[in-house]
N, C-alpha and C. Protein backbone atom coordinates (compact mmCIF):
# COMPACT_ATOMS: atom_id res chain seq x y z
N MET A 1 0.82 -1.21 0.00
CA MET A 1 0.00 0.00 0.00
C MET A 1 0.86 1.26 0.00
N ALA A 2 2.02 1.19 0.70
CA ALA A 2 2.89 2.36 0.75
C ALA A 2 3.48 2.64 -0.62
N SER A 3 3.85 1.56 -1.37
CA SER A 3 4.41 1.77 -2.70
C SER A 3 3.38 2.36 -3.64
N PHE A 4 2.12 1.92 -3.51
CA PHE A 4 1.07 2.46 -4.36
C PHE A 4 0.85 3.93 -4.06
N ALA A 5 0.88 4.28 -2.77
CA ALA A 5 0.73 5.68 -2.40
C ALA A 5 1.86 6.52 -2.96
N ALA A 6 3.08 5.98 -2.92
CA ALA A 6 4.21 6.72 -3.47
C ALA A 6 4.09 6.88 -4.98
N ALA A 7 3.60 5.83 -5.66
CA ALA A 7 3.42 5.91 -7.12
C ALA A 7 2.38 6.94 -7.48
N VAL A 8 1.29 6.96 -6.73
CA VAL A 8 0.24 7.95 -6.98
C VAL A 8 0.78 9.36 -6.80
N GLN A 9 1.54 9.55 -5.74
CA GLN A 9 2.10 10.87 -5.48
C GLN A 9 3.07 11.29 -6.57
N ASN A 10 3.87 10.37 -7.08
CA ASN A 10 4.86 10.71 -8.11
C ASN A 10 4.22 11.16 -9.41
N ILE A 11 3.09 10.52 -9.79
CA ILE A 11 2.49 10.83 -11.08
C ILE A 11 1.44 11.92 -11.01
N THR A 12 1.04 12.29 -9.82
CA THR A 12 -0.02 13.30 -9.71
C THR A 12 0.47 14.64 -9.21
N GLN A 13 1.70 14.72 -8.72
CA GLN A 13 2.16 15.98 -8.15
C GLN A 13 3.47 16.41 -8.77
N ASN A 14 3.55 17.72 -8.93
CA ASN A 14 4.81 18.35 -9.30
C ASN A 14 5.00 19.50 -8.33
N GLY A 15 5.77 19.27 -7.30
CA GLY A 15 5.80 20.19 -6.18
C GLY A 15 4.59 19.93 -5.32
N ASN A 16 3.80 20.97 -5.10
CA ASN A 16 2.59 20.83 -4.30
C ASN A 16 1.35 21.23 -5.09
N GLU A 17 1.43 21.33 -6.42
CA GLU A 17 0.31 21.81 -7.22
C GLU A 17 -0.38 20.65 -7.93
N PRO A 18 -1.68 20.73 -8.14
CA PRO A 18 -2.39 19.67 -8.87
C PRO A 18 -1.98 19.67 -10.33
N THR A 19 -2.00 18.47 -10.95
CA THR A 19 -1.57 18.35 -12.33
C THR A 19 -2.67 18.72 -13.31
N LEU A 20 -3.90 18.50 -12.95
CA LEU A 20 -4.99 18.75 -13.89
C LEU A 20 -6.27 19.01 -13.11
N GLU A 21 -7.05 19.95 -13.59
CA GLU A 21 -8.35 20.25 -12.98
C GLU A 21 -9.44 19.94 -13.99
N VAL A 22 -10.38 19.09 -13.58
CA VAL A 22 -11.49 18.68 -14.44
C VAL A 22 -12.80 18.98 -13.72
N ARG A 23 -13.74 19.53 -14.45
CA ARG A 23 -15.07 19.81 -13.88
C ARG A 23 -16.12 19.05 -14.65
N ALA A 24 -17.04 18.45 -13.91
CA ALA A 24 -18.13 17.67 -14.51
C ALA A 24 -19.45 18.37 -14.25
N GLY A 25 -20.26 18.47 -15.28
CA GLY A 25 -21.58 19.08 -15.16
C GLY A 25 -22.65 18.19 -15.76
N TYR A 26 -23.86 18.72 -15.81
CA TYR A 26 -24.96 17.93 -16.36
C TYR A 26 -24.76 17.63 -17.84
N MET A 27 -24.22 18.60 -18.57
CA MET A 27 -24.18 18.49 -20.03
C MET A 27 -22.81 18.11 -20.59
N GLY A 28 -21.74 18.17 -19.79
CA GLY A 28 -20.44 17.86 -20.35
C GLY A 28 -19.33 18.00 -19.32
N LEU A 29 -18.08 17.99 -19.83
CA LEU A 29 -16.89 18.06 -19.00
C LEU A 29 -16.01 19.23 -19.46
N CYS A 30 -15.23 19.76 -18.52
CA CYS A 30 -14.29 20.82 -18.84
C CYS A 30 -12.96 20.53 -18.15
N ALA A 31 -11.87 20.88 -18.82
CA ALA A 31 -10.52 20.72 -18.26
C ALA A 31 -9.79 22.04 -18.37
N LEU A 32 -8.93 22.31 -17.39
CA LEU A 32 -8.20 23.57 -17.33
C LEU A 32 -6.82 23.41 -17.96
N LEU A 33 -6.53 24.24 -18.94
CA LEU A 33 -5.22 24.25 -19.57
C LEU A 33 -4.33 25.31 -18.93
N ASP A 34 -3.07 25.25 -19.25
CA ASP A 34 -2.12 26.23 -18.74
C ASP A 34 -2.52 27.63 -19.22
N GLY A 35 -2.41 28.59 -18.35
CA GLY A 35 -2.80 29.94 -18.69
C GLY A 35 -4.23 30.26 -18.35
N GLY A 36 -4.94 29.32 -17.71
CA GLY A 36 -6.31 29.56 -17.28
C GLY A 36 -7.35 29.35 -18.34
N GLU A 37 -7.01 28.71 -19.45
CA GLU A 37 -7.97 28.46 -20.52
C GLU A 37 -8.70 27.14 -20.29
N TRP A 38 -10.03 27.20 -20.35
CA TRP A 38 -10.85 26.00 -20.18
C TRP A 38 -11.26 25.46 -21.54
N ILE A 39 -11.20 24.14 -21.68
CA ILE A 39 -11.74 23.49 -22.87
C ILE A 39 -12.84 22.53 -22.41
N CYS A 40 -13.93 22.52 -23.11
CA CYS A 40 -15.10 21.74 -22.70
C CYS A 40 -15.58 20.87 -23.85
N SER A 41 -16.23 19.77 -23.50
CA SER A 41 -16.77 18.86 -24.50
C SER A 41 -17.85 18.01 -23.84
N THR A 42 -18.79 17.56 -24.65
CA THR A 42 -19.81 16.64 -24.15
C THR A 42 -19.32 15.20 -24.16
N SER A 43 -18.17 14.94 -24.79
CA SER A 43 -17.61 13.61 -24.90
C SER A 43 -16.29 13.53 -24.15
N ALA A 44 -16.16 12.54 -23.28
CA ALA A 44 -14.91 12.37 -22.54
C ALA A 44 -13.78 11.98 -23.48
N LYS A 45 -14.07 11.16 -24.48
CA LYS A 45 -13.04 10.75 -25.43
C LYS A 45 -12.51 11.93 -26.23
N SER A 46 -13.43 12.79 -26.67
CA SER A 46 -13.02 13.97 -27.41
C SER A 46 -12.18 14.90 -26.55
N LEU A 47 -12.57 15.09 -25.30
CA LEU A 47 -11.81 15.96 -24.40
C LEU A 47 -10.45 15.37 -24.12
N ALA A 48 -10.38 14.04 -23.90
CA ALA A 48 -9.10 13.39 -23.63
C ALA A 48 -8.16 13.52 -24.83
N ASN A 49 -8.70 13.38 -26.04
CA ASN A 49 -7.88 13.53 -27.24
C ASN A 49 -7.35 14.96 -27.38
N THR A 50 -8.20 15.92 -27.06
CA THR A 50 -7.76 17.32 -27.10
C THR A 50 -6.66 17.57 -26.10
N ILE A 51 -6.83 17.00 -24.90
CA ILE A 51 -5.81 17.13 -23.87
C ILE A 51 -4.50 16.50 -24.33
N LYS A 52 -4.60 15.34 -24.97
CA LYS A 52 -3.41 14.61 -25.41
C LYS A 52 -2.65 15.39 -26.48
N LEU A 53 -3.37 16.10 -27.35
CA LEU A 53 -2.73 16.85 -28.42
C LEU A 53 -2.21 18.20 -27.97
N SER A 54 -2.70 18.66 -26.81
CA SER A 54 -2.29 19.97 -26.33
C SER A 54 -0.89 19.89 -25.71
N SER A 55 -0.12 20.90 -25.94
CA SER A 55 1.24 20.94 -25.38
C SER A 55 1.35 21.92 -24.23
N SER A 56 0.21 22.48 -23.80
CA SER A 56 0.26 23.50 -22.74
C SER A 56 -0.60 23.11 -21.56
N LEU A 57 -0.55 21.85 -21.19
CA LEU A 57 -1.31 21.40 -20.03
C LEU A 57 -0.71 21.94 -18.74
N VAL A 58 -1.51 21.95 -17.71
CA VAL A 58 -1.02 22.38 -16.40
C VAL A 58 0.15 21.49 -16.01
N ASN A 59 1.29 22.11 -15.71
CA ASN A 59 2.50 21.41 -15.31
C ASN A 59 3.02 20.46 -16.38
N GLY A 60 2.50 20.55 -17.62
CA GLY A 60 3.00 19.74 -18.70
C GLY A 60 2.66 18.26 -18.62
N THR A 61 1.69 17.86 -17.84
CA THR A 61 1.35 16.45 -17.69
C THR A 61 0.18 16.08 -18.60
N ARG A 62 -0.17 14.77 -18.64
CA ARG A 62 -1.15 14.26 -19.59
C ARG A 62 -2.32 13.53 -18.94
N ASP A 63 -2.71 13.87 -17.78
CA ASP A 63 -3.80 13.20 -17.06
C ASP A 63 -3.44 11.74 -16.78
N PRO A 64 -2.40 11.49 -15.99
CA PRO A 64 -1.94 10.11 -15.74
C PRO A 64 -2.92 9.25 -14.97
N LEU A 65 -3.83 9.83 -14.20
CA LEU A 65 -4.79 9.04 -13.43
C LEU A 65 -6.17 8.99 -14.09
N ASN A 66 -6.24 9.40 -15.36
CA ASN A 66 -7.51 9.37 -16.10
C ASN A 66 -8.62 10.13 -15.37
N LEU A 67 -8.29 11.33 -14.93
CA LEU A 67 -9.28 12.13 -14.22
C LEU A 67 -10.47 12.46 -15.12
N ILE A 68 -10.22 12.59 -16.41
CA ILE A 68 -11.31 12.91 -17.33
C ILE A 68 -12.33 11.79 -17.34
N TYR A 69 -11.87 10.56 -17.39
CA TYR A 69 -12.80 9.43 -17.43
C TYR A 69 -13.45 9.18 -16.07
N ILE A 70 -12.72 9.52 -14.99
CA ILE A 70 -13.34 9.45 -13.67
C ILE A 70 -14.47 10.47 -13.56
N ALA A 71 -14.21 11.68 -14.05
CA ALA A 71 -15.25 12.72 -14.05
C ALA A 71 -16.42 12.32 -14.95
N ASN A 72 -16.11 11.67 -16.08
CA ASN A 72 -17.17 11.23 -16.98
C ASN A 72 -18.03 10.15 -16.34
N ALA A 73 -17.39 9.23 -15.59
CA ALA A 73 -18.15 8.20 -14.88
C ALA A 73 -19.07 8.84 -13.84
N PHE A 74 -18.55 9.88 -13.17
CA PHE A 74 -19.38 10.61 -12.21
C PHE A 74 -20.58 11.25 -12.91
N LYS A 75 -20.33 11.87 -14.07
CA LYS A 75 -21.42 12.53 -14.81
C LYS A 75 -22.46 11.52 -15.30
N GLU A 76 -22.01 10.37 -15.77
CA GLU A 76 -22.92 9.40 -16.35
C GLU A 76 -23.68 8.59 -15.30
N ASP A 77 -23.00 8.24 -14.20
CA ASP A 77 -23.58 7.31 -13.23
C ASP A 77 -24.18 7.98 -12.01
N ILE A 78 -23.75 9.17 -11.67
CA ILE A 78 -24.20 9.81 -10.44
C ILE A 78 -25.07 11.03 -10.71
N VAL A 79 -24.61 11.90 -11.62
CA VAL A 79 -25.38 13.11 -11.92
C VAL A 79 -26.60 12.74 -12.77
N PHE A 80 -27.76 13.22 -12.35
CA PHE A 80 -29.01 12.94 -13.09
C PHE A 80 -29.84 14.21 -13.12
N ASP A 81 -30.14 14.66 -14.34
CA ASP A 81 -30.88 15.91 -14.49
C ASP A 81 -32.33 15.71 -14.92
N GLY A 82 -32.80 14.47 -14.93
CA GLY A 82 -34.16 14.21 -15.38
C GLY A 82 -35.21 14.89 -14.52
N LEU A 83 -34.98 14.92 -13.20
CA LEU A 83 -35.97 15.53 -12.31
C LEU A 83 -36.08 17.03 -12.54
N LEU A 84 -34.99 17.65 -13.00
CA LEU A 84 -35.02 19.09 -13.23
C LEU A 84 -35.96 19.46 -14.37
N PHE A 85 -36.09 18.58 -15.37
CA PHE A 85 -37.02 18.84 -16.47
C PHE A 85 -38.46 18.80 -15.96
N ILE A 86 -38.73 17.92 -15.00
CA ILE A 86 -40.07 17.89 -14.39
C ILE A 86 -40.32 19.18 -13.63
N VAL A 87 -39.29 19.67 -12.92
CA VAL A 87 -39.42 20.94 -12.18
C VAL A 87 -39.70 22.09 -13.13
N ILE A 88 -38.97 22.13 -14.25
CA ILE A 88 -39.18 23.20 -15.23
C ILE A 88 -40.59 23.15 -15.81
N PHE A 89 -41.04 21.94 -16.15
CA PHE A 89 -42.40 21.79 -16.70
C PHE A 89 -43.44 22.24 -15.68
N ALA A 90 -43.27 21.85 -14.41
CA ALA A 90 -44.23 22.24 -13.37
C ALA A 90 -44.21 23.76 -13.17
N ALA A 91 -43.02 24.37 -13.23
CA ALA A 91 -42.93 25.82 -13.04
C ALA A 91 -43.60 26.57 -14.19
N VAL A 92 -43.40 26.09 -15.42
CA VAL A 92 -44.03 26.73 -16.57
C VAL A 92 -45.55 26.59 -16.49
N LEU A 93 -46.02 25.40 -16.14
CA LEU A 93 -47.46 25.19 -16.02
C LEU A 93 -48.07 26.06 -14.92
N ALA A 94 -47.38 26.17 -13.80
CA ALA A 94 -47.86 27.02 -12.71
C ALA A 94 -47.90 28.49 -13.14
N SER A 95 -46.91 28.92 -13.92
CA SER A 95 -46.89 30.30 -14.41
C SER A 95 -48.06 30.57 -15.35
N ILE A 96 -48.36 29.59 -16.20
CA ILE A 96 -49.50 29.74 -17.12
C ILE A 96 -50.81 29.85 -16.34
N LEU A 97 -50.95 29.01 -15.32
CA LEU A 97 -52.16 29.07 -14.49
C LEU A 97 -52.26 30.39 -13.74
N LEU A 98 -51.13 30.88 -13.24
CA LEU A 98 -51.14 32.16 -12.52
C LEU A 98 -51.51 33.32 -13.45
N SER A 99 -51.16 33.20 -14.72
CA SER A 99 -51.49 34.27 -15.67
C SER A 99 -52.99 34.38 -15.92
N THR A 100 -53.75 33.35 -15.55
CA THR A 100 -55.21 33.38 -15.73
C THR A 100 -55.92 34.07 -14.58
N PHE A 101 -55.20 34.41 -13.52
CA PHE A 101 -55.82 35.08 -12.38
C PHE A 101 -56.35 36.44 -12.84
N PRO A 102 -57.56 36.79 -12.44
CA PRO A 102 -58.12 38.10 -12.85
C PRO A 102 -57.34 39.25 -12.24
N GLY A 103 -57.26 40.35 -13.01
CA GLY A 103 -56.56 41.53 -12.53
C GLY A 103 -57.53 42.64 -12.13
N TRP A 104 -56.99 43.80 -11.86
CA TRP A 104 -57.81 44.94 -11.46
C TRP A 104 -58.54 45.50 -12.69
N HIS A 105 -59.80 45.89 -12.49
CA HIS A 105 -60.54 46.58 -13.55
C HIS A 105 -61.54 47.54 -12.88
N GLU A 106 -62.01 48.46 -13.65
CA GLU A 106 -62.91 49.49 -13.11
C GLU A 106 -64.37 49.10 -13.33
N GLU A 107 -65.18 49.37 -12.31
CA GLU A 107 -66.62 49.13 -12.38
C GLU A 107 -67.35 50.35 -11.82
N ILE A 108 -68.63 50.43 -12.14
CA ILE A 108 -69.48 51.51 -11.64
C ILE A 108 -70.28 50.98 -10.46
N ASP A 109 -70.14 51.63 -9.29
CA ASP A 109 -70.90 51.17 -8.12
C ASP A 109 -72.28 51.79 -8.11
N ASP A 110 -73.03 51.55 -7.03
CA ASP A 110 -74.41 52.05 -6.92
C ASP A 110 -74.47 53.57 -6.94
N GLY A 111 -73.41 54.22 -6.50
CA GLY A 111 -73.39 55.67 -6.51
C GLY A 111 -72.87 56.25 -7.81
N GLU A 112 -72.80 55.39 -8.84
CA GLU A 112 -72.32 55.76 -10.17
C GLU A 112 -70.91 56.34 -10.13
N SER A 113 -70.10 55.78 -9.23
CA SER A 113 -68.70 56.17 -9.15
C SER A 113 -67.83 55.01 -9.65
N GLU A 114 -66.71 55.35 -10.25
CA GLU A 114 -65.80 54.32 -10.73
C GLU A 114 -64.95 53.80 -9.58
N VAL A 115 -64.96 52.51 -9.42
CA VAL A 115 -64.14 51.87 -8.39
C VAL A 115 -63.33 50.75 -9.04
N GLU A 116 -62.15 50.52 -8.48
CA GLU A 116 -61.31 49.44 -8.97
C GLU A 116 -61.64 48.15 -8.23
N VAL A 117 -61.87 47.10 -8.99
CA VAL A 117 -62.28 45.82 -8.44
C VAL A 117 -61.34 44.73 -8.96
N LYS A 118 -61.01 43.80 -8.08
CA LYS A 118 -60.20 42.65 -8.49
C LYS A 118 -60.92 41.39 -8.02
N PRO A 119 -61.55 40.65 -8.92
CA PRO A 119 -62.29 39.44 -8.52
C PRO A 119 -61.35 38.37 -7.96
N PHE A 120 -61.92 37.49 -7.15
CA PHE A 120 -61.15 36.38 -6.64
C PHE A 120 -60.87 35.38 -7.76
N PRO A 121 -59.70 34.76 -7.77
CA PRO A 121 -59.45 33.71 -8.77
C PRO A 121 -60.30 32.49 -8.50
N ALA A 122 -60.52 31.69 -9.52
CA ALA A 122 -61.34 30.49 -9.38
C ALA A 122 -60.67 29.51 -8.40
N ARG A 123 -61.51 28.84 -7.62
CA ARG A 123 -60.99 27.92 -6.62
C ARG A 123 -60.23 26.77 -7.27
N LYS A 124 -60.73 26.26 -8.38
CA LYS A 124 -60.06 25.14 -9.05
C LYS A 124 -58.69 25.55 -9.57
N VAL A 125 -58.60 26.79 -10.06
CA VAL A 125 -57.31 27.27 -10.60
C VAL A 125 -56.29 27.42 -9.47
N THR A 126 -56.70 27.99 -8.35
CA THR A 126 -55.76 28.16 -7.24
C THR A 126 -55.28 26.81 -6.71
N HIS A 127 -56.19 25.84 -6.62
CA HIS A 127 -55.78 24.52 -6.18
C HIS A 127 -54.87 23.85 -7.20
N ALA A 128 -55.13 24.08 -8.47
CA ALA A 128 -54.26 23.51 -9.51
C ALA A 128 -52.85 24.10 -9.43
N VAL A 129 -52.77 25.42 -9.16
CA VAL A 129 -51.47 26.06 -9.01
C VAL A 129 -50.74 25.50 -7.80
N LEU A 130 -51.47 25.30 -6.70
CA LEU A 130 -50.86 24.76 -5.49
C LEU A 130 -50.31 23.36 -5.73
N ILE A 131 -51.09 22.53 -6.39
CA ILE A 131 -50.65 21.15 -6.66
C ILE A 131 -49.44 21.15 -7.60
N THR A 132 -49.52 21.95 -8.65
CA THR A 132 -48.43 21.99 -9.63
C THR A 132 -47.13 22.50 -9.01
N SER A 133 -47.21 23.60 -8.29
CA SER A 133 -46.01 24.15 -7.65
C SER A 133 -45.51 23.24 -6.54
N GLY A 134 -46.42 22.57 -5.86
CA GLY A 134 -46.01 21.61 -4.82
C GLY A 134 -45.24 20.44 -5.41
N VAL A 135 -45.71 19.94 -6.55
CA VAL A 135 -44.98 18.86 -7.23
C VAL A 135 -43.60 19.35 -7.67
N GLY A 136 -43.54 20.56 -8.22
CA GLY A 136 -42.26 21.12 -8.62
C GLY A 136 -41.31 21.28 -7.45
N LEU A 137 -41.84 21.74 -6.31
CA LEU A 137 -41.01 21.90 -5.12
C LEU A 137 -40.47 20.56 -4.64
N SER A 138 -41.31 19.53 -4.65
CA SER A 138 -40.88 18.21 -4.19
C SER A 138 -39.75 17.66 -5.05
N PHE A 139 -39.92 17.74 -6.36
CA PHE A 139 -38.89 17.22 -7.26
C PHE A 139 -37.62 18.07 -7.21
N ALA A 140 -37.76 19.38 -7.05
CA ALA A 140 -36.59 20.25 -6.96
C ALA A 140 -35.79 19.95 -5.70
N PHE A 141 -36.48 19.79 -4.58
CA PHE A 141 -35.79 19.48 -3.32
C PHE A 141 -35.07 18.15 -3.39
N VAL A 142 -35.77 17.12 -3.92
CA VAL A 142 -35.15 15.79 -4.03
C VAL A 142 -33.94 15.84 -4.96
N SER A 143 -34.08 16.53 -6.09
CA SER A 143 -32.99 16.59 -7.06
C SER A 143 -31.76 17.29 -6.51
N VAL A 144 -31.95 18.46 -5.91
CA VAL A 144 -30.81 19.22 -5.40
C VAL A 144 -30.15 18.50 -4.23
N LEU A 145 -30.97 17.96 -3.31
CA LEU A 145 -30.41 17.23 -2.17
C LEU A 145 -29.66 15.99 -2.63
N TRP A 146 -30.23 15.28 -3.61
CA TRP A 146 -29.61 14.09 -4.15
C TRP A 146 -28.25 14.42 -4.76
N GLN A 147 -28.20 15.45 -5.59
CA GLN A 147 -26.94 15.81 -6.24
C GLN A 147 -25.92 16.31 -5.22
N HIS A 148 -26.38 17.03 -4.22
CA HIS A 148 -25.46 17.55 -3.20
C HIS A 148 -24.80 16.40 -2.43
N ILE A 149 -25.61 15.47 -1.97
CA ILE A 149 -25.09 14.35 -1.19
C ILE A 149 -24.19 13.46 -2.05
N ASN A 150 -24.64 13.14 -3.26
CA ASN A 150 -23.86 12.27 -4.14
C ASN A 150 -22.54 12.91 -4.54
N SER A 151 -22.56 14.21 -4.82
CA SER A 151 -21.33 14.89 -5.22
C SER A 151 -20.32 14.91 -4.07
N ALA A 152 -20.81 15.21 -2.87
CA ALA A 152 -19.91 15.23 -1.71
C ALA A 152 -19.35 13.84 -1.43
N ALA A 153 -20.19 12.81 -1.55
CA ALA A 153 -19.72 11.45 -1.31
C ALA A 153 -18.70 11.01 -2.35
N ALA A 154 -18.96 11.33 -3.64
CA ALA A 154 -18.03 10.96 -4.70
C ALA A 154 -16.69 11.67 -4.54
N ALA A 155 -16.73 12.95 -4.18
CA ALA A 155 -15.49 13.71 -3.98
C ALA A 155 -14.68 13.14 -2.82
N SER A 156 -15.35 12.78 -1.73
CA SER A 156 -14.67 12.22 -0.57
C SER A 156 -14.07 10.85 -0.89
N MET A 157 -14.82 10.03 -1.63
CA MET A 157 -14.33 8.70 -1.99
C MET A 157 -13.10 8.78 -2.90
N ALA A 158 -13.14 9.69 -3.89
CA ALA A 158 -12.00 9.85 -4.79
C ALA A 158 -10.76 10.29 -4.03
N GLU A 159 -10.94 11.17 -3.06
CA GLU A 159 -9.80 11.64 -2.28
C GLU A 159 -9.22 10.54 -1.40
N LYS A 160 -10.09 9.74 -0.78
CA LYS A 160 -9.62 8.66 0.09
C LYS A 160 -8.93 7.57 -0.71
N MET A 161 -9.49 7.20 -1.86
CA MET A 161 -8.92 6.11 -2.65
C MET A 161 -7.59 6.49 -3.29
N SER A 162 -7.35 7.79 -3.47
CA SER A 162 -6.09 8.23 -4.08
C SER A 162 -5.10 8.74 -3.04
N TYR A 163 -5.37 8.43 -1.79
CA TYR A 163 -4.49 8.85 -0.70
C TYR A 163 -4.32 10.37 -0.66
N GLY A 164 -5.38 11.06 -1.00
CA GLY A 164 -5.37 12.52 -0.92
C GLY A 164 -4.73 13.22 -2.09
N GLN A 165 -4.30 12.46 -3.11
CA GLN A 165 -3.66 13.08 -4.27
C GLN A 165 -4.68 13.62 -5.27
N ILE A 166 -5.91 13.14 -5.19
CA ILE A 166 -7.02 13.69 -5.97
C ILE A 166 -7.95 14.41 -5.00
N THR A 167 -8.23 15.64 -5.27
CA THR A 167 -9.15 16.40 -4.42
C THR A 167 -10.42 16.72 -5.21
N GLY A 168 -11.54 16.55 -4.57
CA GLY A 168 -12.83 16.83 -5.21
C GLY A 168 -13.61 17.87 -4.43
N HIS A 169 -14.37 18.66 -5.14
CA HIS A 169 -15.17 19.71 -4.50
C HIS A 169 -16.55 19.75 -5.14
N VAL A 170 -17.54 20.02 -4.32
CA VAL A 170 -18.89 20.24 -4.81
C VAL A 170 -18.97 21.66 -5.35
N GLY A 171 -19.50 21.82 -6.57
CA GLY A 171 -19.59 23.14 -7.17
C GLY A 171 -20.46 24.08 -6.35
N SER A 172 -19.85 25.10 -5.77
CA SER A 172 -20.59 26.03 -4.91
C SER A 172 -21.62 26.82 -5.71
N ALA A 173 -21.26 27.22 -6.94
CA ALA A 173 -22.21 27.99 -7.75
C ALA A 173 -23.42 27.15 -8.11
N ALA A 174 -23.18 25.89 -8.50
CA ALA A 174 -24.29 25.00 -8.88
C ALA A 174 -25.22 24.76 -7.70
N MET A 175 -24.64 24.52 -6.52
CA MET A 175 -25.46 24.27 -5.35
C MET A 175 -26.21 25.53 -4.92
N THR A 176 -25.56 26.69 -5.08
CA THR A 176 -26.23 27.94 -4.73
C THR A 176 -27.45 28.17 -5.60
N PHE A 177 -27.28 27.98 -6.92
CA PHE A 177 -28.42 28.14 -7.83
C PHE A 177 -29.49 27.10 -7.55
N GLY A 178 -29.07 25.88 -7.24
CA GLY A 178 -30.04 24.82 -6.98
C GLY A 178 -30.90 25.10 -5.75
N TRP A 179 -30.25 25.44 -4.64
CA TRP A 179 -31.01 25.72 -3.42
C TRP A 179 -31.77 27.04 -3.51
N ALA A 180 -31.26 28.00 -4.29
CA ALA A 180 -32.01 29.23 -4.52
C ALA A 180 -33.30 28.94 -5.27
N GLY A 181 -33.23 28.02 -6.25
CA GLY A 181 -34.44 27.62 -6.96
C GLY A 181 -35.46 26.98 -6.04
N VAL A 182 -34.97 26.11 -5.14
CA VAL A 182 -35.87 25.49 -4.16
C VAL A 182 -36.53 26.54 -3.28
N ALA A 183 -35.75 27.53 -2.86
CA ALA A 183 -36.29 28.59 -2.01
C ALA A 183 -37.35 29.41 -2.74
N LEU A 184 -37.11 29.73 -4.01
CA LEU A 184 -38.08 30.51 -4.77
C LEU A 184 -39.39 29.75 -4.98
N ILE A 185 -39.28 28.46 -5.29
CA ILE A 185 -40.50 27.66 -5.46
C ILE A 185 -41.24 27.54 -4.14
N SER A 186 -40.48 27.46 -3.03
CA SER A 186 -41.13 27.40 -1.71
C SER A 186 -41.94 28.65 -1.44
N ILE A 187 -41.41 29.82 -1.86
CA ILE A 187 -42.14 31.07 -1.66
C ILE A 187 -43.46 31.05 -2.43
N VAL A 188 -43.41 30.50 -3.67
CA VAL A 188 -44.64 30.40 -4.47
C VAL A 188 -45.66 29.49 -3.78
N VAL A 189 -45.21 28.34 -3.31
CA VAL A 189 -46.12 27.39 -2.65
C VAL A 189 -46.74 28.01 -1.40
N ILE A 190 -45.90 28.66 -0.58
CA ILE A 190 -46.42 29.27 0.64
C ILE A 190 -47.39 30.40 0.30
N GLY A 191 -47.06 31.21 -0.71
CA GLY A 191 -47.94 32.30 -1.10
C GLY A 191 -49.29 31.82 -1.59
N ILE A 192 -49.29 30.78 -2.42
CA ILE A 192 -50.56 30.23 -2.92
C ILE A 192 -51.36 29.61 -1.80
N LEU A 193 -50.68 28.92 -0.87
CA LEU A 193 -51.38 28.31 0.25
C LEU A 193 -52.03 29.36 1.13
N VAL A 194 -51.32 30.45 1.40
CA VAL A 194 -51.89 31.54 2.20
C VAL A 194 -53.07 32.17 1.47
N MET A 195 -52.96 32.32 0.15
CA MET A 195 -54.07 32.87 -0.62
C MET A 195 -55.31 31.98 -0.54
N ILE A 196 -55.12 30.68 -0.68
CA ILE A 196 -56.25 29.76 -0.62
C ILE A 196 -56.92 29.80 0.75
N MET A 197 -56.11 29.82 1.80
CA MET A 197 -56.67 29.88 3.16
C MET A 197 -57.40 31.20 3.39
N SER A 198 -56.85 32.29 2.87
CA SER A 198 -57.50 33.60 3.04
C SER A 198 -58.82 33.66 2.29
N LEU A 199 -58.84 33.15 1.05
CA LEU A 199 -60.07 33.14 0.27
C LEU A 199 -61.13 32.25 0.92
N ALA A 200 -60.69 31.11 1.47
CA ALA A 200 -61.64 30.23 2.15
C ALA A 200 -62.25 30.91 3.36
N MET A 201 -61.44 31.66 4.09
CA MET A 201 -61.94 32.38 5.27
C MET A 201 -62.91 33.49 4.87
N ILE A 202 -62.58 34.21 3.79
CA ILE A 202 -63.47 35.27 3.33
C ILE A 202 -64.80 34.71 2.85
N ARG A 203 -64.74 33.59 2.10
CA ARG A 203 -65.98 32.98 1.62
C ARG A 203 -66.83 32.49 2.78
N GLN A 204 -66.16 31.96 3.82
CA GLN A 204 -66.91 31.48 4.99
C GLN A 204 -67.59 32.64 5.71
N LEU A 205 -66.87 33.75 5.87
CA LEU A 205 -67.48 34.92 6.53
C LEU A 205 -68.62 35.49 5.70
N THR A 206 -68.48 35.47 4.37
CA THR A 206 -69.54 35.96 3.50
C THR A 206 -70.78 35.07 3.58
N ASP A 207 -70.56 33.75 3.62
CA ASP A 207 -71.70 32.83 3.72
C ASP A 207 -72.43 32.97 5.04
N ASP A 208 -71.65 33.24 6.12
CA ASP A 208 -72.28 33.39 7.43
C ASP A 208 -73.16 34.62 7.48
N GLU A 209 -72.79 35.65 6.72
CA GLU A 209 -73.62 36.86 6.73
C GLU A 209 -74.90 36.63 5.94
């Protein structure tokens, strides 16, 4: 085990700097070249060939531990974006339903004065929006939590198996956008729920009168 650790260290380090940085996303992979230039591709083979032909890699190395294919395995086997399409569909449908809510318009009251009136939205439409946004929130939460846990676990496993010579990180920007999306959908769900409860209370008070 000690010899393997020494071999890993010899081929992955030049001084104390990493030899290659690879990022995996939903749609493809990116590798960092010398000078801060990123090259990206949807195919791991294509990216590896580009890396092989390039003469300006970080520290002049050629990806000796196949980090590109490790990142590709992570993208193919762990990262899953199918639930996000369901979230997008639910959000679009909820937006369409919200656009049907009646707006302010002017009417003539008994005193022949113009007053602004905003009718209540239909009960079926409000419940449909609540269900649709609730489904979107559920899938968004599961998707983001799933990706967060899996990414952290994969990064930790890669680091442990390589004796710390491979370091992995969860994309902070991706997680920020993901949890921000969950928070925004939560605001919609809470707002619609409060609206439904308020309308139900108003209708009940009106019926009692």
